[in-house]
C-alpha atoms as a PDB file:
ATOM      1  CA  MET A   1     -16.177   8.434  -8.930  1.00  0.00           C
ATOM      2  CA  ILE A   2     -16.255   9.521  -5.288  1.00  0.00           C
ATOM      3  CA  MET A   3     -13.450   8.452  -2.975  1.00  0.00           C
ATOM      4  CA  GLU A   4     -14.895   7.423   0.355  1.00  0.00           C
ATOM      5  CA  ARG A   5     -11.735   6.299   2.152  1.00  0.00           C
ATOM      6  CA  GLU A   6     -11.285   8.045   5.444  1.00  0.00           C
ATOM      7  CA  ILE A   7      -7.929   9.841   5.667  1.00  0.00           C
ATOM      8  CA  LYS A   8      -6.687   9.885   9.242  1.00  0.00           C
ATOM      9  CA  PHE A   9      -3.560   9.366  11.270  1.00  0.00           C
ATOM     10  CA  ARG A  10      -2.323   8.275  14.668  1.00  0.00           C
ATOM     11  CA  GLY A  11       0.746   9.241  16.653  1.00  0.00           C
ATOM     12  CA  LYS A  12       2.188   8.737  20.132  1.00  0.00           C
ATOM     13  CA  ARG A  13       1.171  11.642  22.331  1.00  0.00           C
ATOM     14  CA  LEU A  14       3.728  13.912  23.963  1.00  0.00           C
ATOM     15  CA  SER A  15       3.407  15.325  27.452  1.00  0.00           C
ATOM     16  CA  GLU A  16       5.670  18.281  28.203  1.00  0.00           C
ATOM     17  CA  GLY A  17       7.776  17.271  25.197  1.00  0.00           C
ATOM     18  CA  LYS A  18       8.273  13.688  26.405  1.00  0.00           C
ATOM     19  CA  PRO A  19       6.746  10.562  24.773  1.00  0.00           C
ATOM     20  CA  THR A  20       3.830   8.792  26.433  1.00  0.00           C
ATOM     21  CA  ASP A  21       2.211   5.393  25.870  1.00  0.00           C
ATOM     22  CA  CYS A  22      -1.040   6.988  24.628  1.00  0.00           C
ATOM     23  CA  TRP A  23      -2.018   7.237  20.971  1.00  0.00           C
ATOM     24  CA  ALA A  24      -3.921  10.150  19.445  1.00  0.00           C
ATOM     25  CA  TYR A  25      -6.137   9.547  16.377  1.00  0.00           C
ATOM     26  CA  GLY A  26      -7.468  12.060  13.857  1.00  0.00           C
ATOM     27  CA  SER A  27      -6.310  14.734  11.424  1.00  0.00           C
ATOM     28  CA  LEU A  28      -2.593  15.456  11.128  1.00  0.00           C
ATOM     29  CA  ARG A  29      -0.996  18.890  11.207  1.00  0.00           C
ATOM     30  CA  CYS A  30       2.791  19.286  10.892  1.00  0.00           C
ATOM     31  CA  TYR A  31       4.906  22.356  11.401  1.00  0.00           C
ATOM     32  CA  TYR A  32       8.060  22.682   9.359  1.00  0.00           C
ATOM     33  CA  GLY A  33      11.105  24.629  10.331  1.00  0.00           C
ATOM     34  CA  GLY A  34      14.701  24.704  11.276  1.00  0.00           C
ATOM     35  CA  ILE A  35      16.629  25.170  14.444  1.00  0.00           C
ATOM     36  CA  ASP A  36      14.904  28.416  15.401  1.00  0.00           C
ATOM     37  CA  ASP A  37      11.272  29.482  15.062  1.00  0.00           C
ATOM     38  CA  ASN A  38      12.076  32.145  12.452  1.00  0.00           C
ATOM     39  CA  SER A  39      13.527  29.735   9.910  1.00  0.00           C
ATOM     40  CA  LEU A  40      11.519  27.698   7.414  1.00  0.00           C
ATOM     41  CA  PHE A  41      14.644  25.852   6.249  1.00  0.00           C
ATOM     42  CA  LYS A  42      17.456  24.191   8.125  1.00  0.00           C
ATOM     43  CA  ARG A  43      20.942  24.028   6.698  1.00  0.00           C
ATOM     44  CA  ASP A  44      22.472  20.714   5.681  1.00  0.00           C
ATOM     45  CA  PRO A  45      26.230  20.270   6.149  1.00  0.00           C
ATOM     46  CA  ASP A  46      26.664  21.519   2.560  1.00  0.00           C
ATOM     47  CA  PRO A  47      25.943  25.298   2.759  1.00  0.00           C
ATOM     48  CA  GLU A  48      24.538  25.241  -0.803  1.00  0.00           C
ATOM     49  CA  MET A  49      21.828  22.715   0.115  1.00  0.00           C
ATOM     50  CA  TYR A  50      18.689  23.374   2.134  1.00  0.00           C
ATOM     51  CA  SER A  51      16.061  20.922   3.299  1.00  0.00           C
ATOM     52  CA  VAL A  52      12.716  21.329   4.961  1.00  0.00           C
ATOM     53  CA  GLY A  53      12.462  19.538   8.290  1.00  0.00           C
ATOM     54  CA  ILE A  54       9.446  18.653  10.430  1.00  0.00           C
ATOM     55  CA  ARG A  55       9.620  20.595  13.667  1.00  0.00           C
ATOM     56  CA  ALA A  56       6.421  19.404  15.337  1.00  0.00           C
ATOM     57  CA  CYS A  57       3.229  17.438  14.676  1.00  0.00           C
ATOM     58  CA  GLU A  58      -0.238  17.602  16.184  1.00  0.00           C
ATOM     59  CA  ILE A  59      -3.267  15.403  15.786  1.00  0.00           C
ATOM     60  CA  PHE A  60      -6.755  16.866  16.064  1.00  0.00           C
ATOM     61  CA  ASP A  61      -9.302  14.371  17.407  1.00  0.00           C
ATOM     62  CA  PRO A  62     -12.671  15.238  15.814  1.00  0.00           C
ATOM     63  CA  LYS A  63     -14.571  13.214  18.428  1.00  0.00           C
ATOM     64  CA  THR A  64     -13.258  15.156  21.432  1.00  0.00           C
ATOM     65  CA  HIS A  65     -12.247  18.360  19.602  1.00  0.00           C
ATOM     66  CA  ASN A  66      -8.864  18.158  21.348  1.00  0.00           C
ATOM     67  CA  THR A  67      -5.490  18.684  19.705  1.00  0.00           C
ATOM     68  CA  TYR A  68      -2.536  16.609  20.895  1.00  0.00           C
ATOM     69  CA  ALA A  69       1.183  17.114  20.295  1.00  0.00           C
ATOM     70  CA  VAL A  70       2.610  13.852  18.939  1.00  0.00           C
ATOM     71  CA  ASN A  71       6.039  12.375  18.282  1.00  0.00           C
ATOM     72  CA  SER A  72       6.550  12.874  14.524  1.00  0.00           C
ATOM     73  CA  GLU A  73       8.554   9.637  14.294  1.00  0.00           C
ATOM     74  CA  THR A  74       5.477   7.621  15.332  1.00  0.00           C
ATOM     75  CA  VAL A  75       2.931   9.170  12.940  1.00  0.00           C
ATOM     76  CA  CYS A  76       1.142   6.470  10.915  1.00  0.00           C
ATOM     77  CA  GLN A  77      -1.605   6.723   8.303  1.00  0.00           C
ATOM     78  CA  PHE A  78      -4.813   4.664   8.329  1.00  0.00           C
ATOM     79  CA  THR A  79      -4.794   2.216   5.405  1.00  0.00           C
ATOM     80  CA  GLY A  80      -8.554   2.307   4.929  1.00  0.00           C
ATOM     81  CA  LEU A  81      -8.725  -1.398   5.798  1.00  0.00           C
ATOM     82  CA  ARG A  82      -9.833  -3.329   8.874  1.00  0.00           C
ATOM     83  CA  ASP A  83      -8.794  -6.720  10.183  1.00  0.00           C
ATOM     84  CA  ARG A  84     -11.126  -9.669  10.795  1.00  0.00           C
ATOM     85  CA  ASN A  85     -12.139  -8.199  14.177  1.00  0.00           C
ATOM     86  CA  GLY A  86     -12.971  -4.782  12.718  1.00  0.00           C
ATOM     87  CA  VAL A  87      -9.756  -3.177  14.052  1.00  0.00           C
ATOM     88  CA  GLU A  88      -8.417  -0.383  11.834  1.00  0.00           C
ATOM     89  CA  ILE A  89      -5.101  -1.210  10.164  1.00  0.00           C
ATOM     90  CA  TYR A  90      -2.469   1.550  10.269  1.00  0.00           C
ATOM     91  CA  GLU A  91       0.961   1.907   8.760  1.00  0.00           C
ATOM     92  CA  GLY A  92       3.381   0.471  11.350  1.00  0.00           C
ATOM     93  CA  ASP A  93       0.933  -2.191  12.544  1.00  0.00           C
ATOM     94  CA  ILE A  94       2.123  -5.753  12.937  1.00  0.00           C
ATOM     95  CA  ILE A  95      -0.371  -8.190  11.504  1.00  0.00           C
ATOM     96  CA  SER A  96      -0.854 -11.930  11.571  1.00  0.00           C
ATOM     97  CA  LEU A  97      -1.772 -13.156   8.109  1.00  0.00           C
ATOM     98  CA  ARG A  98      -2.505 -16.852   7.867  1.00  0.00           C
ATOM     99  CA  ASP A  99       0.644 -18.339   9.465  1.00  0.00           C
ATOM    100  CA  TYR A 100       2.908 -15.321   8.915  1.00  0.00           C
ATOM    101  CA  ILE A 101       3.694 -12.096  10.759  1.00  0.00           C
ATOM    102  CA  GLY A 102       4.424  -8.846   8.948  1.00  0.00           C
ATOM    103  CA  GLU A 103       4.652  -5.085   9.294  1.00  0.00           C
ATOM    104  CA  VAL A 104       2.401  -2.756   7.287  1.00  0.00           C
ATOM    105  CA  ARG A 105       4.449  -0.111   5.467  1.00  0.00           C
ATOM    106  CA  TRP A 106       4.038   2.357   2.618  1.00  0.00           C
ATOM    107  CA  ASN A 107       5.788   1.332  -0.607  1.00  0.00           C
ATOM    108  CA  ASN A 108       6.765   4.449  -2.597  1.00  0.00           C
ATOM    109  CA  ASN A 109       7.583   2.372  -5.685  1.00  0.00           C
ATOM    110  CA  ILE A 110       3.972   1.250  -6.180  1.00  0.00           C
ATOM    111  CA  SER A 111       2.184   3.919  -4.083  1.00  0.00           C
ATOM    112  CA  ALA A 112       0.421   1.421  -1.851  1.00  0.00           C
ATOM    113  CA  PHE A 113       0.516  -0.022   1.658  1.00  0.00           C
ATOM    114  CA  CYS A 114       2.359  -3.351   1.565  1.00  0.00           C
ATOM    115  CA  ILE A 115       3.710  -5.945   4.007  1.00  0.00           C
ATOM    116  CA  ARG A 116       7.274  -6.659   5.073  1.00  0.00           C
ATOM    117  CA  PHE A 117       7.089 -10.171   6.466  1.00  0.00           C
ATOM    118  CA  SER A 118       9.290 -11.027   9.464  1.00  0.00           C
ATOM    119  CA  PHE A 119      11.290 -13.541   7.410  1.00  0.00           C
ATOM    120  CA  GLU A 120      12.048 -11.013   4.632  1.00  0.00           C
ATOM    121  CA  SER A 121      14.466  -8.110   4.553  1.00  0.00           C
ATOM    122  CA  GLU A 122      12.642  -6.240   1.764  1.00  0.00           C
ATOM    123  CA  LEU A 123       9.207  -4.686   1.655  1.00  0.00           C
ATOM    124  CA  GLY A 124       6.804  -6.623  -0.572  1.00  0.00           C
ATOM    125  CA  ILE A 125       5.187  -5.236  -3.716  1.00  0.00           C
ATOM    126  CA  LYS A 126       1.727  -6.809  -3.392  1.00  0.00           C
ATOM    127  CA  PRO A 127      -0.731  -4.203  -2.022  1.00  0.00           C
ATOM    128  CA  LEU A 128      -2.114  -4.894   1.451  1.00  0.00           C
ATOM    129  CA  GLY A 129      -5.693  -4.974   0.156  1.00  0.00           C
ATOM    130  CA  SER A 130      -4.941  -7.905  -2.118  1.00  0.00           C
ATOM    131  CA  TRP A 131      -3.699  -9.960   0.862  1.00  0.00           C
ATOM    132  CA  ILE A 132      -6.930  -9.456   2.782  1.00  0.00           C
ATOM    133  CA  ASP A 133      -9.697 -11.553   1.302  1.00  0.00           C
ATOM    134  CA  ARG A 134     -13.415 -11.545   2.043  1.00  0.00           C
ATOM    135  CA  ARG A 135     -12.902 -13.912   4.983  1.00  0.00           C
ATOM    136  CA  ARG A 136     -10.781 -11.254   6.697  1.00  0.00           C
ATOM    137  CA  ASN A 137      -7.856 -13.608   7.272  1.00  0.00           C
ATOM    138  CA  CYS A 138      -5.691 -10.866   8.811  1.00  0.00           C
ATOM    139  CA  ARG A 139      -5.454  -9.739  12.448  1.00  0.00           C
ATOM    140  CA  VAL A 140      -3.654  -6.750  14.025  1.00  0.00           C
ATOM    141  CA  ILE A 141      -1.448  -8.117  16.822  1.00  0.00           C
ATOM    142  CA  GLY A 142       0.636  -5.048  17.683  1.00  0.00           C
ATOM    143  CA  ASN A 143       2.718  -2.265  16.169  1.00  0.00           C
ATOM    144  CA  VAL A 144       6.409  -1.552  15.640  1.00  0.00           C
ATOM    145  CA  TYR A 145       6.465   1.199  18.292  1.00  0.00           C
ATOM    146  CA  ASP A 146       4.931  -0.745  21.194  1.00  0.00           C
ATOM    147  CA  ASN A 147       6.018  -4.263  20.149  1.00  0.00           C
ATOM    148  CA  PRO A 148       9.260  -4.100  18.085  1.00  0.00           C
ATOM    149  CA  GLU A 149      10.284  -7.547  19.326  1.00  0.00           C
ATOM    150  CA  MET A 150       7.464  -9.136  17.296  1.00  0.00           C
ATOM    151  CA  MET A 151       9.325  -8.458  14.039  1.00  0.00           C
ATOM    152  CA  LYS A 152      12.574 -10.135  15.147  1.00  0.00           C
END
């Protein structure tokens, strides 16, 4: 069996280290490190514990062959699905599904993208793909980074 799902990401571009309103789309590359460039690990408050931290992320756009520095907190993965208008659905997108609004998020417990509806406090356990039927009843209406007020 051949997997044909396109693996790609998006993230908010940085300009001179400051966030912008522009998104970059493509392949993700993250650099891990600590407080200084010579350290792969950063110390936690407990000196016996070490954790790897993301220092920086870039997205390579295969269409333009440009690489963009992005805010690692805004990096979202493409779900492999599209809404009824053909718009790609990414983690962090806010979607309208029938009469409900929800945020697309990754659920580690079932290893799938799921929806946290605006009226719920917990992330659902039904995979996103099973909510979207052949009629494409779902529509991307925003994302949690540009439109956080939509989920309130």
